[in-house]
Amino acid sequence: MLAFFSIHLKQLRVAKKLTQSQVADFVGVSRSVISAYENDMRYPSYEILIHLSMLFGVSTDYLLGIENRRYLDISDLSTEEAAAVYEMVRLFRLNHSDTYKGGIP
């Protein structure tokens, strides 16, 4: 299960166009520690895991490979804005129902 951690960490870092040094600075470790995480040579403490999940906007369960869902924090949006986001996702899923097999109908 922890093998997913290294994969997800690197995918998220690359997707955000961050260097290992930038991630390291955010969570308070050295670049070599981030490299060790990405190469399955070391695992983070709970505290670092939480900081990483906050940096990438994903749950710790996602980072660890326990669940494959990703979440979008819309807590700072108005009710109308949140409804618009929800509707866009619903329409996307309807238009791609042949490739998407879960979630909100």
N, C-alpha and C. Protein backbone atom coordinates (compact mmCIF):
# COMPACT_ATOMS: atom_id res chain seq x y z
N MET A 1 0.82 -1.19 0.00
CA MET A 1 0.00 0.00 0.00
C MET A 1 0.86 1.26 0.00
N LEU A 2 1.93 1.28 0.78
CA LEU A 2 2.77 2.47 0.83
C LEU A 2 3.54 2.69 -0.47
N ALA A 3 3.59 1.69 -1.32
CA ALA A 3 4.24 1.87 -2.62
C ALA A 3 3.54 2.96 -3.42
N PHE A 4 2.23 3.12 -3.20
CA PHE A 4 1.50 4.17 -3.90
C PHE A 4 1.92 5.56 -3.45
N PHE A 5 2.41 5.66 -2.23
CA PHE A 5 2.83 6.96 -1.72
C PHE A 5 3.88 7.59 -2.62
N SER A 6 4.91 6.85 -2.95
CA SER A 6 5.99 7.39 -3.77
C SER A 6 5.48 7.80 -5.16
N ILE A 7 4.60 7.00 -5.72
CA ILE A 7 4.04 7.29 -7.05
C ILE A 7 3.19 8.55 -7.00
N HIS A 8 2.27 8.59 -6.04
CA HIS A 8 1.38 9.75 -5.94
C HIS A 8 2.15 11.03 -5.62
N LEU A 9 3.12 10.93 -4.74
CA LEU A 9 3.90 12.12 -4.38
C LEU A 9 4.59 12.71 -5.61
N LYS A 10 5.25 11.87 -6.38
CA LYS A 10 5.95 12.38 -7.56
C LYS A 10 4.97 12.91 -8.61
N GLN A 11 3.86 12.19 -8.84
CA GLN A 11 2.87 12.66 -9.81
C GLN A 11 2.33 14.04 -9.42
N LEU A 12 2.00 14.20 -8.16
CA LEU A 12 1.46 15.48 -7.70
C LEU A 12 2.50 16.59 -7.79
N ARG A 13 3.74 16.29 -7.42
CA ARG A 13 4.81 17.30 -7.48
C ARG A 13 5.03 17.76 -8.90
N VAL A 14 5.13 16.80 -9.82
CA VAL A 14 5.36 17.13 -11.23
C VAL A 14 4.18 17.91 -11.81
N ALA A 15 2.95 17.48 -11.47
CA ALA A 15 1.75 18.15 -11.97
C ALA A 15 1.69 19.61 -11.52
N LYS A 16 2.18 19.89 -10.32
CA LYS A 16 2.21 21.27 -9.80
C LYS A 16 3.47 22.01 -10.23
N LYS A 17 4.34 21.34 -10.98
CA LYS A 17 5.58 21.93 -11.47
C LYS A 17 6.45 22.45 -10.33
N LEU A 18 6.54 21.63 -9.29
CA LEU A 18 7.39 21.96 -8.14
C LEU A 18 8.65 21.11 -8.16
N THR A 19 9.72 21.66 -7.68
CA THR A 19 10.96 20.89 -7.54
C THR A 19 10.91 20.15 -6.20
N GLN A 20 11.78 19.18 -6.06
CA GLN A 20 11.89 18.49 -4.78
C GLN A 20 12.30 19.48 -3.69
N SER A 21 13.13 20.43 -4.02
CA SER A 21 13.56 21.44 -3.05
C SER A 21 12.40 22.31 -2.58
N GLN A 22 11.52 22.68 -3.49
CA GLN A 22 10.37 23.50 -3.12
C GLN A 22 9.44 22.74 -2.18
N VAL A 23 9.20 21.47 -2.49
CA VAL A 23 8.35 20.64 -1.62
C VAL A 23 9.03 20.49 -0.26
N ALA A 24 10.32 20.23 -0.28
CA ALA A 24 11.07 20.07 0.96
C ALA A 24 10.98 21.32 1.83
N ASP A 25 11.13 22.49 1.23
CA ASP A 25 11.04 23.74 1.98
C ASP A 25 9.66 23.91 2.61
N PHE A 26 8.61 23.53 1.89
CA PHE A 26 7.25 23.69 2.40
C PHE A 26 7.00 22.80 3.61
N VAL A 27 7.49 21.57 3.55
CA VAL A 27 7.20 20.63 4.64
C VAL A 27 8.28 20.59 5.71
N GLY A 28 9.41 21.24 5.46
CA GLY A 28 10.45 21.35 6.48
C GLY A 28 11.41 20.18 6.56
N VAL A 29 11.74 19.62 5.40
CA VAL A 29 12.74 18.55 5.33
C VAL A 29 13.74 18.92 4.24
N SER A 30 14.77 18.09 4.06
CA SER A 30 15.74 18.36 2.99
C SER A 30 15.26 17.78 1.66
N ARG A 31 15.87 18.26 0.58
CA ARG A 31 15.54 17.75 -0.74
C ARG A 31 15.80 16.25 -0.83
N SER A 32 16.86 15.79 -0.19
CA SER A 32 17.19 14.36 -0.24
C SER A 32 16.13 13.50 0.43
N VAL A 33 15.43 14.04 1.41
CA VAL A 33 14.35 13.30 2.06
C VAL A 33 13.18 13.14 1.07
N ILE A 34 12.84 14.20 0.35
CA ILE A 34 11.78 14.11 -0.66
C ILE A 34 12.17 13.10 -1.72
N SER A 35 13.43 13.12 -2.14
CA SER A 35 13.92 12.13 -3.10
C SER A 35 13.76 10.71 -2.56
N ALA A 36 14.08 10.52 -1.30
CA ALA A 36 13.95 9.20 -0.67
C ALA A 36 12.48 8.77 -0.63
N TYR A 37 11.57 9.72 -0.37
CA TYR A 37 10.14 9.40 -0.40
C TYR A 37 9.72 8.94 -1.80
N GLU A 38 10.17 9.67 -2.81
CA GLU A 38 9.77 9.36 -4.19
C GLU A 38 10.40 8.07 -4.71
N ASN A 39 11.47 7.63 -4.09
CA ASN A 39 12.14 6.40 -4.52
C ASN A 39 11.87 5.23 -3.59
N ASP A 40 10.84 5.36 -2.76
CA ASP A 40 10.42 4.27 -1.87
C ASP A 40 11.51 3.83 -0.89
N MET A 41 12.37 4.76 -0.51
CA MET A 41 13.45 4.42 0.41
C MET A 41 13.15 4.88 1.84
N ARG A 42 12.12 5.71 1.96
CA ARG A 42 11.79 6.28 3.27
C ARG A 42 10.32 6.70 3.24
N TYR A 43 9.68 6.72 4.41
CA TYR A 43 8.29 7.13 4.51
C TYR A 43 8.17 8.30 5.48
N PRO A 44 7.21 9.18 5.25
CA PRO A 44 7.09 10.39 6.07
C PRO A 44 6.45 10.11 7.42
N SER A 45 6.72 11.01 8.34
CA SER A 45 6.01 10.99 9.63
C SER A 45 4.58 11.44 9.37
N TYR A 46 3.72 11.27 10.37
CA TYR A 46 2.34 11.73 10.24
C TYR A 46 2.28 13.22 9.97
N GLU A 47 3.12 13.96 10.67
CA GLU A 47 3.14 15.41 10.51
C GLU A 47 3.50 15.81 9.08
N ILE A 48 4.53 15.21 8.52
CA ILE A 48 4.95 15.52 7.15
C ILE A 48 3.88 15.09 6.16
N LEU A 49 3.28 13.94 6.39
CA LEU A 49 2.20 13.45 5.52
C LEU A 49 1.05 14.46 5.46
N ILE A 50 0.70 15.01 6.60
CA ILE A 50 -0.37 16.02 6.65
C ILE A 50 0.04 17.28 5.89
N HIS A 51 1.28 17.72 6.07
CA HIS A 51 1.76 18.90 5.33
C HIS A 51 1.75 18.66 3.82
N LEU A 52 2.14 17.47 3.41
CA LEU A 52 2.12 17.14 1.98
C LEU A 52 0.69 17.14 1.43
N SER A 53 -0.24 16.59 2.20
CA SER A 53 -1.63 16.57 1.73
C SER A 53 -2.18 17.98 1.62
N MET A 54 -1.80 18.86 2.52
CA MET A 54 -2.23 20.26 2.45
C MET A 54 -1.60 20.96 1.24
N LEU A 55 -0.34 20.71 0.99
CA LEU A 55 0.34 21.33 -0.15
C LEU A 55 -0.33 20.95 -1.47
N PHE A 56 -0.67 19.68 -1.61
CA PHE A 56 -1.21 19.19 -2.88
C PHE A 56 -2.73 19.17 -2.95
N GLY A 57 -3.39 19.49 -1.84
CA GLY A 57 -4.85 19.54 -1.85
C GLY A 57 -5.49 18.19 -2.01
N VAL A 58 -4.88 17.17 -1.44
CA VAL A 58 -5.44 15.81 -1.50
C VAL A 58 -5.51 15.27 -0.07
N SER A 59 -6.24 14.18 0.10
CA SER A 59 -6.31 13.57 1.42
C SER A 59 -5.06 12.73 1.68
N THR A 60 -4.79 12.48 2.94
CA THR A 60 -3.69 11.58 3.28
C THR A 60 -3.99 10.18 2.76
N ASP A 61 -5.26 9.80 2.75
CA ASP A 61 -5.64 8.49 2.19
C ASP A 61 -5.28 8.39 0.71
N TYR A 62 -5.46 9.49 -0.02
CA TYR A 62 -5.07 9.49 -1.44
C TYR A 62 -3.55 9.33 -1.56
N LEU A 63 -2.80 10.09 -0.79
CA LEU A 63 -1.35 9.99 -0.85
C LEU A 63 -0.86 8.57 -0.57
N LEU A 64 -1.50 7.91 0.38
CA LEU A 64 -1.09 6.56 0.77
C LEU A 64 -1.64 5.46 -0.13
N GLY A 65 -2.54 5.82 -1.03
CA GLY A 65 -3.11 4.82 -1.93
C GLY A 65 -4.27 4.05 -1.33
N ILE A 66 -4.81 4.55 -0.22
CA ILE A 66 -5.95 3.89 0.42
C ILE A 66 -7.22 4.14 -0.38
N GLU A 67 -7.34 5.35 -0.91
CA GLU A 67 -8.47 5.65 -1.79
C GLU A 67 -7.94 6.39 -3.00
N ASN A 68 -8.67 6.27 -4.09
CA ASN A 68 -8.20 6.83 -5.34
C ASN A 68 -8.96 8.10 -5.73
N ARG A 69 -9.81 8.60 -4.85
CA ARG A 69 -10.57 9.81 -5.14
C ARG A 69 -9.74 11.03 -4.80
N ARG A 70 -9.91 12.03 -5.61
CA ARG A 70 -9.29 13.32 -5.33
C ARG A 70 -10.41 14.31 -5.03
N TYR A 71 -10.13 15.24 -4.15
CA TYR A 71 -11.14 16.19 -3.72
C TYR A 71 -10.74 17.60 -4.07
N LEU A 72 -11.74 18.42 -4.28
CA LEU A 72 -11.53 19.83 -4.58
C LEU A 72 -12.12 20.64 -3.44
N ASP A 73 -11.31 21.46 -2.81
CA ASP A 73 -11.79 22.27 -1.70
C ASP A 73 -12.50 23.49 -2.25
N ILE A 74 -13.81 23.52 -2.06
CA ILE A 74 -14.60 24.67 -2.52
C ILE A 74 -15.22 25.40 -1.34
N SER A 75 -14.66 25.21 -0.16
CA SER A 75 -15.23 25.78 1.06
C SER A 75 -15.24 27.31 1.06
N ASP A 76 -14.38 27.94 0.28
CA ASP A 76 -14.36 29.41 0.26
C ASP A 76 -15.25 29.99 -0.84
N LEU A 77 -15.98 29.13 -1.55
CA LEU A 77 -16.89 29.60 -2.60
C LEU A 77 -18.27 29.86 -2.00
N SER A 78 -19.00 30.74 -2.66
CA SER A 78 -20.39 30.98 -2.24
C SER A 78 -21.23 29.76 -2.59
N THR A 79 -22.44 29.72 -2.07
CA THR A 79 -23.35 28.61 -2.37
C THR A 79 -23.61 28.52 -3.88
N GLU A 80 -23.78 29.66 -4.51
CA GLU A 80 -24.03 29.69 -5.96
C GLU A 80 -22.81 29.21 -6.74
N GLU A 81 -21.62 29.63 -6.34
CA GLU A 81 -20.39 29.20 -7.02
C GLU A 81 -20.17 27.70 -6.85
N ALA A 82 -20.41 27.20 -5.63
CA ALA A 82 -20.26 25.76 -5.38
C ALA A 82 -21.25 24.97 -6.22
N ALA A 83 -22.47 25.47 -6.34
CA ALA A 83 -23.48 24.80 -7.17
C ALA A 83 -23.06 24.78 -8.64
N ALA A 84 -22.44 25.85 -9.10
CA ALA A 84 -21.97 25.91 -10.48
C ALA A 84 -20.85 24.90 -10.73
N VAL A 85 -19.94 24.77 -9.77
CA VAL A 85 -18.87 23.77 -9.89
C VAL A 85 -19.46 22.37 -9.92
N TYR A 86 -20.39 22.11 -9.01
CA TYR A 86 -21.05 20.81 -8.95
C TYR A 86 -21.73 20.50 -10.29
N GLU A 87 -22.42 21.49 -10.86
CA GLU A 87 -23.11 21.29 -12.14
C GLU A 87 -22.13 21.02 -13.28
N MET A 88 -21.00 21.72 -13.29
CA MET A 88 -19.98 21.48 -14.33
C MET A 88 -19.45 20.05 -14.24
N VAL A 89 -19.20 19.58 -13.03
CA VAL A 89 -18.71 18.21 -12.85
C VAL A 89 -19.76 17.21 -13.30
N ARG A 90 -21.02 17.47 -12.93
CA ARG A 90 -22.11 16.58 -13.33
C ARG A 90 -22.22 16.50 -14.86
N LEU A 91 -22.15 17.64 -15.51
CA LEU A 91 -22.23 17.66 -16.98
C LEU A 91 -21.03 16.97 -17.62
N PHE A 92 -19.86 17.19 -17.06
CA PHE A 92 -18.67 16.51 -17.58
C PHE A 92 -18.85 15.00 -17.51
N ARG A 93 -19.33 14.53 -16.38
CA ARG A 93 -19.52 13.08 -16.20
C ARG A 93 -20.59 12.54 -17.14
N LEU A 94 -21.65 13.30 -17.37
CA LEU A 94 -22.67 12.87 -18.33
C LEU A 94 -22.10 12.77 -19.74
N ASN A 95 -21.29 13.75 -20.11
CA ASN A 95 -20.70 13.77 -21.46
C ASN A 95 -19.61 12.73 -21.64
N HIS A 96 -19.08 12.21 -20.54
CA HIS A 96 -18.02 11.21 -20.60
C HIS A 96 -18.43 9.94 -19.88
N SER A 97 -19.72 9.65 -19.89
CA SER A 97 -20.23 8.50 -19.12
C SER A 97 -19.67 7.18 -19.62
N ASP A 98 -19.21 7.10 -20.86
CA ASP A 98 -18.64 5.86 -21.36
C ASP A 98 -17.26 5.58 -20.77
N THR A 99 -16.57 6.62 -20.29
CA THR A 99 -15.25 6.42 -19.71
C THR A 99 -15.24 6.58 -18.20
N TYR A 100 -16.27 7.23 -17.63
CA TYR A 100 -16.32 7.44 -16.19
C TYR A 100 -17.34 6.50 -15.58
N LYS A 101 -16.94 5.74 -14.57
CA LYS A 101 -17.80 4.69 -14.03
C LYS A 101 -18.14 4.87 -12.56
N GLY A 102 -18.07 6.06 -12.01
CA GLY A 102 -18.39 6.20 -10.58
C GLY A 102 -18.74 7.61 -10.23
N GLY A 103 -19.06 7.81 -8.98
CA GLY A 103 -19.30 9.14 -8.46
C GLY A 103 -20.70 9.63 -8.65
N ILE A 104 -20.84 10.92 -8.79
CA ILE A 104 -22.13 11.58 -8.83
C ILE A 104 -22.75 11.39 -10.21
N PRO A 105 -24.00 10.95 -10.30
CA PRO A 105 -24.65 10.79 -11.60
C PRO A 105 -24.96 12.12 -12.26
